[in-house]
Each structure stands twice: as structure tokens, then as C-alpha cells.
């Protein structure tokens, strides 16, 4: 698949591989936020990380149902046929942001579940991108 960069377009400003790398960088920052006990930044970063990587997949496998924002991507993937992808998206969407009206009890295990969900979706996006290149 030939990629044509377009700096003025939100999706085509980065190549599929660059979106994957941006997602992995964001995941690193999410992991660091959780390590510093900043659950809000950790969850937001994990969601963004998955969404950024999924932008790369969206370039090679356009899907209007995924929408434009990373939360749109995650909401659409909650209904994916691949159970692991659907479960990862569900984890990222359904985990409440700390600091709202509902007090969510956080544990290291719960934080790791969120990070693992983001890793699963980044891996899914990577597989879609690499499959399209073959």
C-alpha cells in the first residue's frame, strides 16, 4: 500500500508505522504515570496510545465505523469479532477515570489490566498494518 503524507489532514499527517510508534511512546508515558500513582493520566494515556496505533490501522484498512477520535475507535472495537480485541477495547472504555463522582478503587493489578489492554490494541493495529504491507 502506497502512503501519501498530507500534513493538513488529521490522519495522514503520520504514516501507519509512525502512528504505531506514537502509540507505543504514549503507552510508555501511561506506564510512567501509573508508576507515579497518577491513575487519571495513566488511563487517559493508555486510551490515547491504543487510539494512536489504531489510526495507523485506519489508514491501511479504512473503516467509517471507527470514527475519528480515539474514543470513537475504542467504542467501535467493543463489538469487534475478535474477542481479545473487543475485551481490550471494553477494558479501556469501561474503566472509570479517577477523580469523578464515582470513587474507583485502583490496584496495581487493575492498572496493569488497562496497560495490557492498550498493548493488545497496539498489537492488533500493528498486525493490520503489517498485513497490508505484505
C-alpha atoms as a PDB file:
ATOM      1  CA  UNK A   1       0.000   0.000   0.000  1.00  0.00           C
ATOM      2  CA  UNK A   2       1.377   3.374  -1.002  1.00  0.00           C
ATOM      3  CA  UNK A   3       1.072   6.011   1.704  1.00  0.00           C
ATOM      4  CA  UNK A   4       0.819   9.666   0.773  1.00  0.00           C
ATOM      5  CA  UNK A   5       1.517  12.111   3.612  1.00  0.00           C
ATOM      6  CA  UNK A   6      -0.813  15.090   3.960  1.00  0.00           C
ATOM      7  CA  UNK A   7       0.230  17.477   6.758  1.00  0.00           C
ATOM      8  CA  UNK A   8      -3.169  19.207   6.611  1.00  0.00           C
ATOM      9  CA  UNK A   9      -5.169  16.010   7.251  1.00  0.00           C
ATOM     10  CA  UNK A  10      -5.518  14.717  10.825  1.00  0.00           C
ATOM     11  CA  UNK A  11      -4.999  11.071   9.826  1.00  0.00           C
ATOM     12  CA  UNK A  12      -2.424  11.331   7.052  1.00  0.00           C
ATOM     13  CA  UNK A  13      -0.007  13.633   8.864  1.00  0.00           C
ATOM     14  CA  UNK A  14       1.776  10.456  10.061  1.00  0.00           C
ATOM     15  CA  UNK A  15       2.414   7.172   8.262  1.00  0.00           C
ATOM     16  CA  UNK A  16       0.897   3.952   9.640  1.00  0.00           C
ATOM     17  CA  UNK A  17       4.256   2.991  11.197  1.00  0.00           C
ATOM     18  CA  UNK A  18       4.643   6.472  12.704  1.00  0.00           C
ATOM     19  CA  UNK A  19       1.184   6.187  14.288  1.00  0.00           C
ATOM     20  CA  UNK A  20       2.198   2.827  15.802  1.00  0.00           C
ATOM     21  CA  UNK A  21       5.407   4.381  17.182  1.00  0.00           C
ATOM     22  CA  UNK A  22       3.442   7.357  18.535  1.00  0.00           C
ATOM     23  CA  UNK A  23       1.120   4.893  20.275  1.00  0.00           C
ATOM     24  CA  UNK A  24       3.993   2.980  21.865  1.00  0.00           C
ATOM     25  CA  UNK A  25       5.525   6.256  23.058  1.00  0.00           C
ATOM     26  CA  UNK A  26       2.202   7.269  24.599  1.00  0.00           C
ATOM     27  CA  UNK A  27       1.939   3.838  26.244  1.00  0.00           C
ATOM     28  CA  UNK A  28       5.358   4.378  27.857  1.00  0.00           C
ATOM     29  CA  UNK A  29       4.114   7.681  29.283  1.00  0.00           C
ATOM     30  CA  UNK A  30       0.925   5.986  30.543  1.00  0.00           C
ATOM     31  CA  UNK A  31       3.014   3.334  32.284  1.00  0.00           C
ATOM     32  CA  UNK A  32       5.148   6.066  33.897  1.00  0.00           C
ATOM     33  CA  UNK A  33       2.004   7.891  35.053  1.00  0.00           C
ATOM     34  CA  UNK A  34       0.670   4.734  36.707  1.00  0.00           C
ATOM     35  CA  UNK A  35       4.067   4.171  38.347  1.00  0.00           C
ATOM     36  CA  UNK A  36       3.748   7.677  39.841  1.00  0.00           C
ATOM     37  CA  UNK A  37       0.241   6.799  41.123  1.00  0.00           C
ATOM     38  CA  UNK A  38      -1.409   9.148  38.620  1.00  0.00           C
ATOM     39  CA  UNK A  39      -4.307   6.945  37.534  1.00  0.00           C
ATOM     40  CA  UNK A  40      -6.062   9.686  35.583  1.00  0.00           C
ATOM     41  CA  UNK A  41      -3.048  10.341  33.344  1.00  0.00           C
ATOM     42  CA  UNK A  42      -2.332   6.618  33.119  1.00  0.00           C
ATOM     43  CA  UNK A  43      -5.793   5.713  31.867  1.00  0.00           C
ATOM     44  CA  UNK A  44      -6.041   8.683  29.517  1.00  0.00           C
ATOM     45  CA  UNK A  45      -2.600   7.859  28.133  1.00  0.00           C
ATOM     46  CA  UNK A  46      -3.453   4.170  27.656  1.00  0.00           C
ATOM     47  CA  UNK A  47      -6.600   5.142  25.752  1.00  0.00           C
ATOM     48  CA  UNK A  48      -4.652   7.604  23.594  1.00  0.00           C
ATOM     49  CA  UNK A  49      -1.900   5.033  22.989  1.00  0.00           C
ATOM     50  CA  UNK A  50      -4.356   2.493  21.627  1.00  0.00           C
ATOM     51  CA  UNK A  51      -6.140   5.148  19.581  1.00  0.00           C
ATOM     52  CA  UNK A  52      -2.933   6.443  18.026  1.00  0.00           C
ATOM     53  CA  UNK A  53      -1.887   2.967  16.938  1.00  0.00           C
ATOM     54  CA  UNK A  54      -5.387   2.329  15.616  1.00  0.00           C
ATOM     55  CA  UNK A  55      -5.036   5.461  13.466  1.00  0.00           C
ATOM     56  CA  UNK A  56      -2.249   3.615  11.649  1.00  0.00           C
ATOM     57  CA  UNK A  57      -4.559   0.658  11.065  1.00  0.00           C
ATOM     58  CA  UNK A  58      -7.298   3.004   9.884  1.00  0.00           C
ATOM     59  CA  UNK A  59      -5.030   4.237   7.085  1.00  0.00           C
ATOM     60  CA  UNK A  60      -4.462   0.746   5.676  1.00  0.00           C
ATOM     61  CA  UNK A  61      -7.936  -0.626   6.454  1.00  0.00           C
ATOM     62  CA  UNK A  62     -10.411   2.288   6.337  1.00  0.00           C
ATOM     63  CA  UNK A  63     -13.477   1.735   8.484  1.00  0.00           C
ATOM     64  CA  UNK A  64     -16.030   4.530   8.928  1.00  0.00           C
ATOM     65  CA  UNK A  65     -17.478   2.764  11.973  1.00  0.00           C
ATOM     66  CA  UNK A  66     -14.263   3.540  13.862  1.00  0.00           C
ATOM     67  CA  UNK A  67     -14.970   7.264  13.727  1.00  0.00           C
ATOM     68  CA  UNK A  68     -12.290   9.912  14.092  1.00  0.00           C
ATOM     69  CA  UNK A  69     -11.349  10.153  17.773  1.00  0.00           C
ATOM     70  CA  UNK A  70      -9.505   7.519  19.771  1.00  0.00           C
ATOM     71  CA  UNK A  71     -12.583   7.034  21.946  1.00  0.00           C
ATOM     72  CA  UNK A  72     -14.676   6.505  18.791  1.00  0.00           C
ATOM     73  CA  UNK A  73     -12.172   3.806  17.740  1.00  0.00           C
ATOM     74  CA  UNK A  74     -12.392   2.108  21.137  1.00  0.00           C
ATOM     75  CA  UNK A  75     -16.181   2.241  21.286  1.00  0.00           C
ATOM     76  CA  UNK A  76     -16.435   0.656  17.819  1.00  0.00           C
ATOM     77  CA  UNK A  77     -13.957  -2.086  18.711  1.00  0.00           C
ATOM     78  CA  UNK A  78     -16.019  -3.146  21.738  1.00  0.00           C
ATOM     79  CA  UNK A  79     -18.132  -5.006  19.138  1.00  0.00           C
ATOM     80  CA  UNK A  80     -15.177  -6.484  17.197  1.00  0.00           C
ATOM     81  CA  UNK A  81     -15.448 -10.131  16.152  1.00  0.00           C
ATOM     82  CA  UNK A  82     -12.044 -10.827  17.722  1.00  0.00           C
ATOM     83  CA  UNK A  83     -12.861 -11.463  21.393  1.00  0.00           C
ATOM     84  CA  UNK A  84      -9.466 -10.278  22.658  1.00  0.00           C
ATOM     85  CA  UNK A  85      -9.738  -7.025  20.713  1.00  0.00           C
ATOM     86  CA  UNK A  86     -13.297  -6.470  21.946  1.00  0.00           C
ATOM     87  CA  UNK A  87     -12.312  -7.206  25.560  1.00  0.00           C
ATOM     88  CA  UNK A  88      -9.320  -4.854  25.382  1.00  0.00           C
ATOM     89  CA  UNK A  89     -11.482  -2.050  23.988  1.00  0.00           C
ATOM     90  CA  UNK A  90     -14.121  -2.737  26.659  1.00  0.00           C
ATOM     91  CA  UNK A  91     -11.490  -2.521  29.398  1.00  0.00           C
ATOM     92  CA  UNK A  92     -10.218   0.833  28.144  1.00  0.00           C
ATOM     93  CA  UNK A  93     -13.688   2.302  27.644  1.00  0.00           C
ATOM     94  CA  UNK A  94     -15.346   0.952  30.784  1.00  0.00           C
ATOM     95  CA  UNK A  95     -12.588   1.726  33.283  1.00  0.00           C
ATOM     96  CA  UNK A  96     -13.709   4.945  35.016  1.00  0.00           C
ATOM     97  CA  UNK A  97     -11.372   7.931  35.111  1.00  0.00           C
ATOM     98  CA  UNK A  98     -10.242   8.564  38.688  1.00  0.00           C
ATOM     99  CA  UNK A  99     -11.403  11.791  40.259  1.00  0.00           C
ATOM    100  CA  UNK A 100     -15.005  11.780  39.078  1.00  0.00           C
ATOM    101  CA  UNK A 101     -18.166  11.400  41.104  1.00  0.00           C
ATOM    102  CA  UNK A 102     -17.639   7.653  41.437  1.00  0.00           C
ATOM    103  CA  UNK A 103     -14.733   6.624  43.619  1.00  0.00           C
ATOM    104  CA  UNK A 104     -12.909   3.834  41.820  1.00  0.00           C
ATOM    105  CA  UNK A 105     -10.627   1.643  43.883  1.00  0.00           C
ATOM    106  CA  UNK A 106      -7.399   1.190  41.972  1.00  0.00           C
ATOM    107  CA  UNK A 107      -4.860  -1.547  42.370  1.00  0.00           C
ATOM    108  CA  UNK A 108      -1.607  -2.296  40.604  1.00  0.00           C
ATOM    109  CA  UNK A 109      -3.364  -5.289  39.036  1.00  0.00           C
ATOM    110  CA  UNK A 110      -6.164  -3.080  37.666  1.00  0.00           C
ATOM    111  CA  UNK A 111      -3.624  -0.579  36.312  1.00  0.00           C
ATOM    112  CA  UNK A 112      -1.753  -3.427  34.594  1.00  0.00           C
ATOM    113  CA  UNK A 113      -5.022  -4.666  33.051  1.00  0.00           C
ATOM    114  CA  UNK A 114      -5.504  -1.247  31.446  1.00  0.00           C
ATOM    115  CA  UNK A 115      -1.934  -1.186  30.147  1.00  0.00           C
ATOM    116  CA  UNK A 116      -2.273  -4.747  28.826  1.00  0.00           C
ATOM    117  CA  UNK A 117      -5.497  -3.788  27.036  1.00  0.00           C
ATOM    118  CA  UNK A 118      -3.668  -0.922  25.331  1.00  0.00           C
ATOM    119  CA  UNK A 119      -0.815  -3.292  24.393  1.00  0.00           C
ATOM    120  CA  UNK A 120      -3.329  -5.722  22.868  1.00  0.00           C
ATOM    121  CA  UNK A 121      -4.868  -2.999  20.723  1.00  0.00           C
ATOM    122  CA  UNK A 122      -1.472  -1.672  19.655  1.00  0.00           C
ATOM    123  CA  UNK A 123      -0.530  -5.239  18.646  1.00  0.00           C
ATOM    124  CA  UNK A 124      -3.814  -5.553  16.740  1.00  0.00           C
ATOM    125  CA  UNK A 125      -3.129  -2.288  14.889  1.00  0.00           C
ATOM    126  CA  UNK A 126       0.448  -3.379  14.153  1.00  0.00           C
ATOM    127  CA  UNK A 127      -0.776  -6.686  12.717  1.00  0.00           C
ATOM    128  CA  UNK A 128      -3.278  -4.898  10.463  1.00  0.00           C
ATOM    129  CA  UNK A 129      -0.589  -2.501   9.215  1.00  0.00           C
ATOM    130  CA  UNK A 130       1.963  -5.260   8.556  1.00  0.00           C
ATOM    131  CA  UNK A 131      -0.640  -7.464   6.854  1.00  0.00           C
ATOM    132  CA  UNK A 132      -1.469  -4.580   4.498  1.00  0.00           C
ATOM    133  CA  UNK A 133       2.212  -4.132   3.654  1.00  0.00           C
ATOM    134  CA  UNK A 134       2.632  -7.809   2.682  1.00  0.00           C
END
